[in-house]
Amino acid sequence: MIKSMTGYGKSNLNVENRNYQIEIKSVNHRYLDISIKIPRTVSYLEETIKKQISEKIKRGKIDVFITFENNSQEGNNIKINKEIARIYINELKQLAKEEKINDNIEVIDIAKFPDVLKIKADEENEKIKEEIQKVTKNAITNIIDMKVIEGEKILQDLLIRINRIENKIEEINKKSTGLIEEYVVKLEKRIKEILKTEEIDKSRIAQEVVIYADKCSIEEEIIRLKSHIYQFKNLIESNQNETIGKKLDFIIQEMNRETNTIGSKANSLEITNAVIEIKTELEDIREQIQNIE
């Protein structure tokens, strides 16, 4: 199964006055690189979320944006800063004494002053952890669904291009089988023109033909190219849930190497033109597979 490295997934969860939202964006990258922006109150869950994502996504630059609003009692503890409260009380009493006013101070009044009451989040809360993992799982499912859809489009394009290459290889193969006969005819004609005689040393011609055939033979390259195409098709049509981008990239490099060798051996304009067309398709395929996970 082909999956694109490009994708987007989003999920929301509202439960008991706790609001979660997570967005996951993915673009091309050689390796897996996960970056998470998460509120400080739940920052202890960053590694948990990274692990959860890495179990499902193997390559790509992943940006994760998490928002969390907790308006419930879960995970929140109210702390009174007694030292600050005492300072407020003493200062207010001193002011009341100096101004000769009533110093009746209520606790509720002190609580309204800055820094007296603080809401402190639990360093770890299992319920909140489970809820964030749930919303993360949904976002991962959404981004993978998008990556699979994009991957299917890439698959269809790759099949079209690899089939074009396969057809061109068959053309080259057929053309190469007639090169020896053409060379023999041209060689005999050239010798007759130079020596101005109809008598030709057939053994000498045979030697030249053997040397030429060995020099321009592309049979091994054709065989290897067909093998690479077979492997390429097997990979992109496989239903196995694995990362294949790097494997495909390696196969294309090898195909490009064999094609270059054929181009260097080619003694035919038609073969040279076919090689150029193959290299063009290989470059387009190489660009496509850069977006495969």
C-alpha atoms as a PDB file:
ATOM      1  CA  MET A   1       0.000   0.000   0.000  1.00  0.00           C
ATOM      2  CA  ILE A   2       1.368   3.380  -1.020  1.00  0.00           C
ATOM      3  CA  LYS A   3       0.951   6.270   1.406  1.00  0.00           C
ATOM      4  CA  SER A   4       1.868   9.845   0.635  1.00  0.00           C
ATOM      5  CA  MET A   5       4.043  11.719   3.113  1.00  0.00           C
ATOM      6  CA  THR A   6       1.771  14.741   2.676  1.00  0.00           C
ATOM      7  CA  GLY A   7      -1.351  14.825   4.807  1.00  0.00           C
ATOM      8  CA  TYR A   8      -3.492  16.615   7.361  1.00  0.00           C
ATOM      9  CA  GLY A   9      -5.579  15.304  10.225  1.00  0.00           C
ATOM     10  CA  LYS A  10      -7.643  17.076  12.855  1.00  0.00           C
ATOM     11  CA  SER A  11      -9.729  15.911  15.807  1.00  0.00           C
ATOM     12  CA  ASN A  12     -11.705  17.498  18.651  1.00  0.00           C
ATOM     13  CA  LEU A  13     -12.982  16.154  21.943  1.00  0.00           C
ATOM     14  CA  ASN A  14     -15.234  17.859  24.494  1.00  0.00           C
ATOM     15  CA  VAL A  15     -15.863  16.035  27.750  1.00  0.00           C
ATOM     16  CA  GLU A  16     -16.862  17.316  31.200  1.00  0.00           C
ATOM     17  CA  ASN A  17     -15.783  20.919  30.462  1.00  0.00           C
ATOM     18  CA  ARG A  18     -12.445  19.740  29.073  1.00  0.00           C
ATOM     19  CA  ASN A  19     -11.835  20.759  25.454  1.00  0.00           C
ATOM     20  CA  TYR A  20      -9.142  19.135  23.323  1.00  0.00           C
ATOM     21  CA  GLN A  21      -8.091  19.866  19.762  1.00  0.00           C
ATOM     22  CA  ILE A  22      -5.198  18.352  17.851  1.00  0.00           C
ATOM     23  CA  GLU A  23      -3.964  19.074  14.324  1.00  0.00           C
ATOM     24  CA  ILE A  24      -1.330  16.965  12.577  1.00  0.00           C
ATOM     25  CA  LYS A  25       0.384  18.159   9.404  1.00  0.00           C
ATOM     26  CA  SER A  26       2.883  16.102   7.427  1.00  0.00           C
ATOM     27  CA  VAL A  27       5.216  16.994   4.547  1.00  0.00           C
ATOM     28  CA  ASN A  28       8.158  15.334   2.785  1.00  0.00           C
ATOM     29  CA  HIS A  29      11.225  14.476   4.807  1.00  0.00           C
ATOM     30  CA  ARG A  30      13.953  11.885   4.503  1.00  0.00           C
ATOM     31  CA  TYR A  31      13.356  10.576   8.017  1.00  0.00           C
ATOM     32  CA  LEU A  32      10.682  10.867  10.705  1.00  0.00           C
ATOM     33  CA  ASP A  33      10.826  14.247  12.431  1.00  0.00           C
ATOM     34  CA  ILE A  34       8.027  15.064  14.897  1.00  0.00           C
ATOM     35  CA  SER A  35       7.582  18.555  16.324  1.00  0.00           C
ATOM     36  CA  ILE A  36       4.877  19.155  18.942  1.00  0.00           C
ATOM     37  CA  LYS A  37       3.428  22.413  20.251  1.00  0.00           C
ATOM     38  CA  ILE A  38       1.564  21.581  23.432  1.00  0.00           C
ATOM     39  CA  PRO A  39       0.235  23.617  26.399  1.00  0.00           C
ATOM     40  CA  ARG A  40       2.527  23.690  29.417  1.00  0.00           C
ATOM     41  CA  THR A  41      -0.107  22.105  31.657  1.00  0.00           C
ATOM     42  CA  VAL A  42       0.028  18.844  29.688  1.00  0.00           C
ATOM     43  CA  SER A  43       3.597  19.056  28.416  1.00  0.00           C
ATOM     44  CA  TYR A  44       4.427  15.862  30.329  1.00  0.00           C
ATOM     45  CA  LEU A  45       2.478  13.991  27.612  1.00  0.00           C
ATOM     46  CA  GLU A  46       4.714  15.135  24.728  1.00  0.00           C
ATOM     47  CA  GLU A  47       6.784  11.943  24.536  1.00  0.00           C
ATOM     48  CA  THR A  48       3.646   9.802  24.850  1.00  0.00           C
ATOM     49  CA  ILE A  49       2.116  11.574  21.854  1.00  0.00           C
ATOM     50  CA  LYS A  50       5.338  11.264  19.829  1.00  0.00           C
ATOM     51  CA  LYS A  51       5.433   7.540  20.470  1.00  0.00           C
ATOM     52  CA  GLN A  52       1.770   7.203  19.521  1.00  0.00           C
ATOM     53  CA  ILE A  53       2.372   8.964  16.186  1.00  0.00           C
ATOM     54  CA  SER A  54       5.631   7.139  15.382  1.00  0.00           C
ATOM     55  CA  GLU A  55       3.862   3.781  15.711  1.00  0.00           C
ATOM     56  CA  LYS A  56       1.640   4.686  12.748  1.00  0.00           C
ATOM     57  CA  ILE A  57       3.731   7.105  10.650  1.00  0.00           C
ATOM     58  CA  LYS A  58       7.282   6.160   9.659  1.00  0.00           C
ATOM     59  CA  ARG A  59       8.552   9.044   7.495  1.00  0.00           C
ATOM     60  CA  GLY A  60       7.899  12.747   7.078  1.00  0.00           C
ATOM     61  CA  LYS A  61       8.183  16.098   8.818  1.00  0.00           C
ATOM     62  CA  ILE A  62       5.306  16.006  11.292  1.00  0.00           C
ATOM     63  CA  ASP A  63       3.997  19.164  12.978  1.00  0.00           C
ATOM     64  CA  VAL A  64       1.522  18.660  15.812  1.00  0.00           C
ATOM     65  CA  PHE A  65      -0.546  21.475  17.338  1.00  0.00           C
ATOM     66  CA  ILE A  66      -2.475  20.767  20.535  1.00  0.00           C
ATOM     67  CA  THR A  67      -4.877  23.059  22.380  1.00  0.00           C
ATOM     68  CA  PHE A  68      -6.363  22.148  25.748  1.00  0.00           C
ATOM     69  CA  GLU A  69      -8.836  24.041  27.933  1.00  0.00           C
ATOM     70  CA  ASN A  70      -9.599  22.566  31.308  1.00  0.00           C
ATOM     71  CA  ASN A  71     -12.597  24.169  33.016  1.00  0.00           C
ATOM     72  CA  SER A  72     -13.271  21.164  35.208  1.00  0.00           C
ATOM     73  CA  GLN A  73     -11.956  20.060  38.585  1.00  0.00           C
ATOM     74  CA  GLU A  74     -10.142  17.127  36.990  1.00  0.00           C
ATOM     75  CA  GLY A  75      -6.425  17.722  37.089  1.00  0.00           C
ATOM     76  CA  ASN A  76      -6.735  21.107  38.790  1.00  0.00           C
ATOM     77  CA  ASN A  77      -5.768  21.896  42.401  1.00  0.00           C
ATOM     78  CA  ILE A  78      -6.339  25.273  44.062  1.00  0.00           C
ATOM     79  CA  LYS A  79      -3.476  26.395  46.265  1.00  0.00           C
ATOM     80  CA  ILE A  80      -3.473  29.324  48.670  1.00  0.00           C
ATOM     81  CA  ASN A  81      -0.280  31.294  48.955  1.00  0.00           C
ATOM     82  CA  LYS A  82      -0.485  31.884  52.699  1.00  0.00           C
ATOM     83  CA  GLU A  83       2.638  34.011  52.893  1.00  0.00           C
ATOM     84  CA  ILE A  84       1.302  36.480  50.340  1.00  0.00           C
ATOM     85  CA  ALA A  85      -2.104  36.458  52.074  1.00  0.00           C
ATOM     86  CA  ARG A  86      -0.495  37.299  55.456  1.00  0.00           C
ATOM     87  CA  ILE A  87       1.416  40.194  53.905  1.00  0.00           C
ATOM     88  CA  TYR A  88      -1.836  41.582  52.485  1.00  0.00           C
ATOM     89  CA  ILE A  89      -3.560  41.198  55.868  1.00  0.00           C
ATOM     90  CA  ASN A  90      -0.761  42.890  57.821  1.00  0.00           C
ATOM     91  CA  GLU A  91      -0.509  45.763  55.361  1.00  0.00           C
ATOM     92  CA  LEU A  92      -4.296  46.286  55.371  1.00  0.00           C
ATOM     93  CA  LYS A  93      -4.427  46.253  59.175  1.00  0.00           C
ATOM     94  CA  GLN A  94      -1.573  48.740  59.335  1.00  0.00           C
ATOM     95  CA  LEU A  95      -3.375  50.969  56.856  1.00  0.00           C
ATOM     96  CA  ALA A  96      -6.610  50.721  58.852  1.00  0.00           C
ATOM     97  CA  LYS A  97      -4.782  51.679  62.065  1.00  0.00           C
ATOM     98  CA  GLU A  98      -3.079  54.652  60.439  1.00  0.00           C
ATOM     99  CA  GLU A  99      -6.292  55.900  58.884  1.00  0.00           C
ATOM    100  CA  LYS A 100      -8.377  54.971  61.939  1.00  0.00           C
ATOM    101  CA  ILE A 101     -10.866  52.897  60.006  1.00  0.00           C
ATOM    102  CA  ASN A 102     -12.484  49.505  60.571  1.00  0.00           C
ATOM    103  CA  ASP A 103      -9.940  46.695  60.125  1.00  0.00           C
ATOM    104  CA  ASN A 104     -12.552  43.926  59.742  1.00  0.00           C
ATOM    105  CA  ILE A 105     -10.999  41.845  56.942  1.00  0.00           C
ATOM    106  CA  GLU A 106     -12.876  38.914  55.398  1.00  0.00           C
ATOM    107  CA  VAL A 107     -11.115  35.913  53.897  1.00  0.00           C
ATOM    108  CA  ILE A 108     -13.051  36.341  50.659  1.00  0.00           C
ATOM    109  CA  ASP A 109     -11.604  39.812  50.296  1.00  0.00           C
ATOM    110  CA  ILE A 110      -8.045  38.565  50.642  1.00  0.00           C
ATOM    111  CA  ALA A 111      -8.681  35.816  48.093  1.00  0.00           C
ATOM    112  CA  LYS A 112      -9.394  38.449  45.429  1.00  0.00           C
ATOM    113  CA  PHE A 113      -5.900  39.890  45.592  1.00  0.00           C
ATOM    114  CA  PRO A 114      -3.301  38.855  42.961  1.00  0.00           C
ATOM    115  CA  ASP A 115      -1.266  35.677  43.547  1.00  0.00           C
ATOM    116  CA  VAL A 116      -3.212  34.613  46.641  1.00  0.00           C
ATOM    117  CA  LEU A 117      -5.089  31.824  44.869  1.00  0.00           C
ATOM    118  CA  LYS A 118      -3.369  29.703  42.249  1.00  0.00           C
ATOM    119  CA  ILE A 119      -4.711  26.848  40.138  1.00  0.00           C
ATOM    120  CA  LYS A 120      -2.042  24.203  39.842  1.00  0.00           C
ATOM    121  CA  ALA A 121      -2.408  21.378  37.372  1.00  0.00           C
ATOM    122  CA  ASP A 122      -1.533  17.835  38.348  1.00  0.00           C
ATOM    123  CA  GLU A 123       1.847  16.811  37.047  1.00  0.00           C
ATOM    124  CA  GLU A 124       0.251  13.648  35.705  1.00  0.00           C
ATOM    125  CA  ASN A 125      -3.418  12.850  35.433  1.00  0.00           C
ATOM    126  CA  GLU A 126      -4.435   9.484  33.985  1.00  0.00           C
ATOM    127  CA  LYS A 127      -7.889  10.610  32.894  1.00  0.00           C
ATOM    128  CA  ILE A 128      -6.541  13.564  30.924  1.00  0.00           C
ATOM    129  CA  LYS A 129      -3.806  11.338  29.489  1.00  0.00           C
ATOM    130  CA  GLU A 130      -6.377   8.839  28.216  1.00  0.00           C
ATOM    131  CA  GLU A 131      -8.481  11.606  26.670  1.00  0.00           C
ATOM    132  CA  ILE A 132      -5.515  13.186  24.872  1.00  0.00           C
ATOM    133  CA  GLN A 133      -4.457   9.777  23.577  1.00  0.00           C
ATOM    134  CA  LYS A 134      -7.993   9.253  22.290  1.00  0.00           C
ATOM    135  CA  VAL A 135      -8.125  12.552  20.396  1.00  0.00           C
ATOM    136  CA  THR A 136      -4.602  11.938  19.072  1.00  0.00           C
ATOM    137  CA  LYS A 137      -5.632   8.508  17.793  1.00  0.00           C
ATOM    138  CA  ASN A 138      -8.551  10.047  15.884  1.00  0.00           C
ATOM    139  CA  ALA A 139      -6.319  12.711  14.333  1.00  0.00           C
ATOM    140  CA  ILE A 140      -3.787  10.041  13.288  1.00  0.00           C
ATOM    141  CA  THR A 141      -6.579   8.020  11.662  1.00  0.00           C
ATOM    142  CA  ASN A 142      -7.712  11.104   9.732  1.00  0.00           C
ATOM    143  CA  ILE A 143      -4.246  11.980   8.459  1.00  0.00           C
ATOM    144  CA  ILE A 144      -3.552   8.386   7.429  1.00  0.00           C
ATOM    145  CA  ASP A 145      -6.833   8.279   5.499  1.00  0.00           C
ATOM    146  CA  MET A 146      -5.710  11.361   3.577  1.00  0.00           C
ATOM    147  CA  LYS A 147      -2.227   9.931   3.015  1.00  0.00           C
ATOM    148  CA  VAL A 148      -3.755   6.734   1.578  1.00  0.00           C
ATOM    149  CA  ILE A 149      -5.991   8.695  -0.824  1.00  0.00           C
ATOM    150  CA  GLU A 150      -3.013  10.735  -2.037  1.00  0.00           C
ATOM    151  CA  GLY A 151      -0.971   7.541  -2.247  1.00  0.00           C
ATOM    152  CA  GLU A 152      -3.536   5.944  -4.574  1.00  0.00           C
ATOM    153  CA  LYS A 153      -3.196   8.884  -6.982  1.00  0.00           C
ATOM    154  CA  ILE A 154       0.589   8.525  -6.911  1.00  0.00           C
ATOM    155  CA  LEU A 155       0.241   4.765  -7.531  1.00  0.00           C
ATOM    156  CA  GLN A 156      -1.805   5.271 -10.697  1.00  0.00           C
ATOM    157  CA  ASP A 157       0.701   7.796 -12.044  1.00  0.00           C
ATOM    158  CA  LEU A 158       3.654   5.508 -11.281  1.00  0.00           C
ATOM    159  CA  LEU A 159       2.013   2.564 -13.052  1.00  0.00           C
ATOM    160  CA  ILE A 160       1.448   4.649 -16.190  1.00  0.00           C
ATOM    161  CA  ARG A 161       5.056   5.839 -16.242  1.00  0.00           C
ATOM    162  CA  ILE A 162       6.668   2.459 -15.454  1.00  0.00           C
ATOM    163  CA  ASN A 163       4.578   0.853 -18.226  1.00  0.00           C
ATOM    164  CA  ARG A 164       5.845   3.482 -20.674  1.00  0.00           C
ATOM    165  CA  ILE A 165       9.387   2.605 -19.666  1.00  0.00           C
ATOM    166  CA  GLU A 166       8.680  -1.106 -20.089  1.00  0.00           C
ATOM    167  CA  ASN A 167       7.383  -0.499 -23.616  1.00  0.00           C
ATOM    168  CA  LYS A 168      10.445   1.565 -24.509  1.00  0.00           C
ATOM    169  CA  ILE A 169      12.731  -1.199 -23.243  1.00  0.00           C
ATOM    170  CA  GLU A 170      10.968  -3.673 -25.525  1.00  0.00           C
ATOM    171  CA  GLU A 171      11.491  -1.283 -28.445  1.00  0.00           C
ATOM    172  CA  ILE A 172      15.189  -0.977 -27.609  1.00  0.00           C
ATOM    173  CA  ASN A 173      15.501  -4.757 -27.285  1.00  0.00           C
ATOM    174  CA  LYS A 174      13.953  -5.347 -30.725  1.00  0.00           C
ATOM    175  CA  LYS A 175      16.050  -2.639 -32.303  1.00  0.00           C
ATOM    176  CA  SER A 176      19.289  -3.936 -30.776  1.00  0.00           C
ATOM    177  CA  THR A 177      18.816  -7.420 -32.291  1.00  0.00           C
ATOM    178  CA  GLY A 178      19.120  -5.963 -35.788  1.00  0.00           C
ATOM    179  CA  LEU A 179      22.180  -3.824 -35.110  1.00  0.00           C
ATOM    180  CA  ILE A 180      24.668  -6.641 -35.816  1.00  0.00           C
ATOM    181  CA  GLU A 181      23.154  -7.387 -39.240  1.00  0.00           C
ATOM    182  CA  GLU A 182      23.169  -3.689 -40.085  1.00  0.00           C
ATOM    183  CA  TYR A 183      26.784  -3.417 -39.002  1.00  0.00           C
ATOM    184  CA  VAL A 184      27.830  -6.383 -41.186  1.00  0.00           C
ATOM    185  CA  VAL A 185      26.187  -4.847 -44.236  1.00  0.00           C
ATOM    186  CA  LYS A 186      27.749  -1.433 -43.611  1.00  0.00           C
ATOM    187  CA  LEU A 187      31.179  -2.959 -42.907  1.00  0.00           C
ATOM    188  CA  GLU A 188      31.208  -5.033 -46.111  1.00  0.00           C
ATOM    189  CA  LYS A 189      30.084  -2.057 -48.164  1.00  0.00           C
ATOM    190  CA  ARG A 190      32.766   0.157 -46.626  1.00  0.00           C
ATOM    191  CA  ILE A 191      35.527  -2.383 -47.244  1.00  0.00           C
ATOM    192  CA  LYS A 192      34.487  -2.776 -50.874  1.00  0.00           C
ATOM    193  CA  GLU A 193      34.530   0.997 -51.314  1.00  0.00           C
ATOM    194  CA  ILE A 194      37.993   1.329 -49.786  1.00  0.00           C
ATOM    195  CA  LEU A 195      39.648  -1.693 -51.406  1.00  0.00           C
ATOM    196  CA  LYS A 196      37.672  -1.381 -54.655  1.00  0.00           C
ATOM    197  CA  THR A 197      37.182  -5.112 -54.831  1.00  0.00           C
ATOM    198  CA  GLU A 198      34.374  -7.623 -54.395  1.00  0.00           C
ATOM    199  CA  GLU A 199      36.653 -10.104 -52.631  1.00  0.00           C
ATOM    200  CA  ILE A 200      36.391  -9.798 -48.858  1.00  0.00           C
ATOM    201  CA  ASP A 201      38.145 -11.735 -46.118  1.00  0.00           C
ATOM    202  CA  LYS A 202      35.140 -13.300 -44.361  1.00  0.00           C
ATOM    203  CA  SER A 203      37.180 -14.394 -41.348  1.00  0.00           C
ATOM    204  CA  ARG A 204      38.354 -10.840 -40.800  1.00  0.00           C
ATOM    205  CA  ILE A 205      34.782  -9.602 -41.091  1.00  0.00           C
ATOM    206  CA  ALA A 206      33.711 -12.201 -38.541  1.00  0.00           C
ATOM    207  CA  GLN A 207      36.347 -11.023 -36.062  1.00  0.00           C
ATOM    208  CA  GLU A 208      35.239  -7.419 -36.417  1.00  0.00           C
ATOM    209  CA  VAL A 209      31.623  -8.427 -35.956  1.00  0.00           C
ATOM    210  CA  VAL A 210      32.441 -10.337 -32.740  1.00  0.00           C
ATOM    211  CA  ILE A 211      34.313  -7.333 -31.350  1.00  0.00           C
ATOM    212  CA  TYR A 212      31.478  -4.998 -32.286  1.00  0.00           C
ATOM    213  CA  ALA A 213      28.803  -7.311 -30.870  1.00  0.00           C
ATOM    214  CA  ASP A 214      30.659  -7.588 -27.550  1.00  0.00           C
ATOM    215  CA  LYS A 215      31.136  -3.840 -27.373  1.00  0.00           C
ATOM    216  CA  CYS A 216      27.545  -2.810 -28.085  1.00  0.00           C
ATOM    217  CA  SER A 217      25.683  -5.725 -26.467  1.00  0.00           C
ATOM    218  CA  ILE A 218      22.982  -4.462 -24.081  1.00  0.00           C
ATOM    219  CA  GLU A 219      21.396  -7.814 -23.310  1.00  0.00           C
ATOM    220  CA  GLU A 220      22.525  -7.831 -19.654  1.00  0.00           C
ATOM    221  CA  GLU A 221      21.280  -4.283 -19.113  1.00  0.00           C
ATOM    222  CA  ILE A 222      17.907  -5.149 -20.632  1.00  0.00           C
ATOM    223  CA  ILE A 223      17.567  -8.191 -18.358  1.00  0.00           C
ATOM    224  CA  ARG A 224      18.431  -6.156 -15.255  1.00  0.00           C
ATOM    225  CA  LEU A 225      16.022  -3.380 -16.239  1.00  0.00           C
ATOM    226  CA  LYS A 226      13.190  -5.878 -16.623  1.00  0.00           C
ATOM    227  CA  SER A 227      14.041  -7.313 -13.213  1.00  0.00           C
ATOM    228  CA  HIS A 228      13.965  -3.833 -11.646  1.00  0.00           C
ATOM    229  CA  ILE A 229      10.588  -3.106 -13.250  1.00  0.00           C
ATOM    230  CA  TYR A 230       9.216  -6.373 -11.862  1.00  0.00           C
ATOM    231  CA  GLN A 231      10.419  -5.446  -8.349  1.00  0.00           C
ATOM    232  CA  PHE A 232       9.091  -1.910  -8.701  1.00  0.00           C
ATOM    233  CA  LYS A 233       5.604  -3.093  -9.657  1.00  0.00           C
ATOM    234  CA  ASN A 234       5.542  -5.668  -6.885  1.00  0.00           C
ATOM    235  CA  LEU A 235       6.370  -3.019  -4.315  1.00  0.00           C
ATOM    236  CA  ILE A 236       3.841  -0.389  -5.381  1.00  0.00           C
ATOM    237  CA  GLU A 237       1.046  -2.943  -5.794  1.00  0.00           C
ATOM    238  CA  SER A 238       1.804  -4.745  -2.534  1.00  0.00           C
ATOM    239  CA  ASN A 239      -0.883  -4.626   0.149  1.00  0.00           C
ATOM    240  CA  GLN A 240       1.666  -4.843   2.945  1.00  0.00           C
ATOM    241  CA  ASN A 241       1.562  -1.911   5.336  1.00  0.00           C
ATOM    242  CA  GLU A 242       5.228  -0.942   5.145  1.00  0.00           C
ATOM    243  CA  THR A 243       7.321   2.025   4.111  1.00  0.00           C
ATOM    244  CA  ILE A 244       8.509   1.577   0.529  1.00  0.00           C
ATOM    245  CA  GLY A 245       9.713   5.056  -0.444  1.00  0.00           C
ATOM    246  CA  LYS A 246      13.410   4.356   0.178  1.00  0.00           C
ATOM    247  CA  LYS A 247      13.251   0.983  -1.609  1.00  0.00           C
ATOM    248  CA  LEU A 248      11.625   2.552  -4.662  1.00  0.00           C
ATOM    249  CA  ASP A 249      14.230   5.301  -4.699  1.00  0.00           C
ATOM    250  CA  PHE A 250      17.016   2.702  -4.750  1.00  0.00           C
ATOM    251  CA  ILE A 251      15.376   0.780  -7.620  1.00  0.00           C
ATOM    252  CA  ILE A 252      15.039   3.978  -9.678  1.00  0.00           C
ATOM    253  CA  GLN A 253      18.728   4.758  -9.113  1.00  0.00           C
ATOM    254  CA  GLU A 254      19.643   1.301 -10.423  1.00  0.00           C
ATOM    255  CA  MET A 255      17.336   1.664 -13.420  1.00  0.00           C
ATOM    256  CA  ASN A 256      18.900   5.012 -14.220  1.00  0.00           C
ATOM    257  CA  ARG A 257      22.360   3.421 -14.054  1.00  0.00           C
ATOM    258  CA  GLU A 258      21.417   0.640 -16.493  1.00  0.00           C
ATOM    259  CA  THR A 259      19.759   3.141 -18.833  1.00  0.00           C
ATOM    260  CA  ASN A 260      22.910   5.276 -18.894  1.00  0.00           C
ATOM    261  CA  THR A 261      24.944   2.185 -19.806  1.00  0.00           C
ATOM    262  CA  ILE A 262      22.594   1.401 -22.692  1.00  0.00           C
ATOM    263  CA  GLY A 263      22.897   5.004 -23.861  1.00  0.00           C
ATOM    264  CA  SER A 264      26.701   4.817 -23.835  1.00  0.00           C
ATOM    265  CA  LYS A 265      26.688   1.573 -25.841  1.00  0.00           C
ATOM    266  CA  ALA A 266      23.981   2.594 -28.280  1.00  0.00           C
ATOM    267  CA  ASN A 267      25.082   2.939 -31.877  1.00  0.00           C
ATOM    268  CA  SER A 268      21.627   3.871 -33.058  1.00  0.00           C
ATOM    269  CA  LEU A 269      19.766   7.159 -33.091  1.00  0.00           C
ATOM    270  CA  GLU A 270      16.490   5.374 -32.379  1.00  0.00           C
ATOM    271  CA  ILE A 271      17.928   3.689 -29.282  1.00  0.00           C
ATOM    272  CA  THR A 272      19.444   6.983 -28.111  1.00  0.00           C
ATOM    273  CA  ASN A 273      16.073   8.720 -28.445  1.00  0.00           C
ATOM    274  CA  ALA A 274      14.367   5.871 -26.544  1.00  0.00           C
ATOM    275  CA  VAL A 275      16.985   6.155 -23.776  1.00  0.00           C
ATOM    276  CA  ILE A 276      16.262   9.884 -23.465  1.00  0.00           C
ATOM    277  CA  GLU A 277      12.538   9.165 -23.113  1.00  0.00           C
ATOM    278  CA  ILE A 278      13.217   6.523 -20.454  1.00  0.00           C
ATOM    279  CA  LYS A 279      15.444   8.900 -18.483  1.00  0.00           C
ATOM    280  CA  THR A 280      12.715  11.571 -18.630  1.00  0.00           C
ATOM    281  CA  GLU A 281      10.160   9.138 -17.203  1.00  0.00           C
ATOM    282  CA  LEU A 282      12.614   7.958 -14.537  1.00  0.00           C
ATOM    283  CA  GLU A 283      13.174  11.534 -13.399  1.00  0.00           C
ATOM    284  CA  ASP A 284       9.415  12.111 -13.135  1.00  0.00           C
ATOM    285  CA  ILE A 285       9.063   8.873 -11.155  1.00  0.00           C
ATOM    286  CA  ARG A 286      11.933   9.853  -8.878  1.00  0.00           C
ATOM    287  CA  GLU A 287      10.190  13.143  -8.072  1.00  0.00           C
ATOM    288  CA  GLN A 288       6.947  11.328  -7.334  1.00  0.00           C
ATOM    289  CA  ILE A 289       8.458   8.778  -4.994  1.00  0.00           C
ATOM    290  CA  GLN A 290      10.028  11.554  -2.917  1.00  0.00           C
ATOM    291  CA  ASN A 291       6.497  11.984  -1.571  1.00  0.00           C
ATOM    292  CA  ILE A 292       6.007   8.316  -0.666  1.00  0.00           C
ATOM    293  CA  GLU A 293       6.286   7.249   2.982  1.00  0.00           C
END
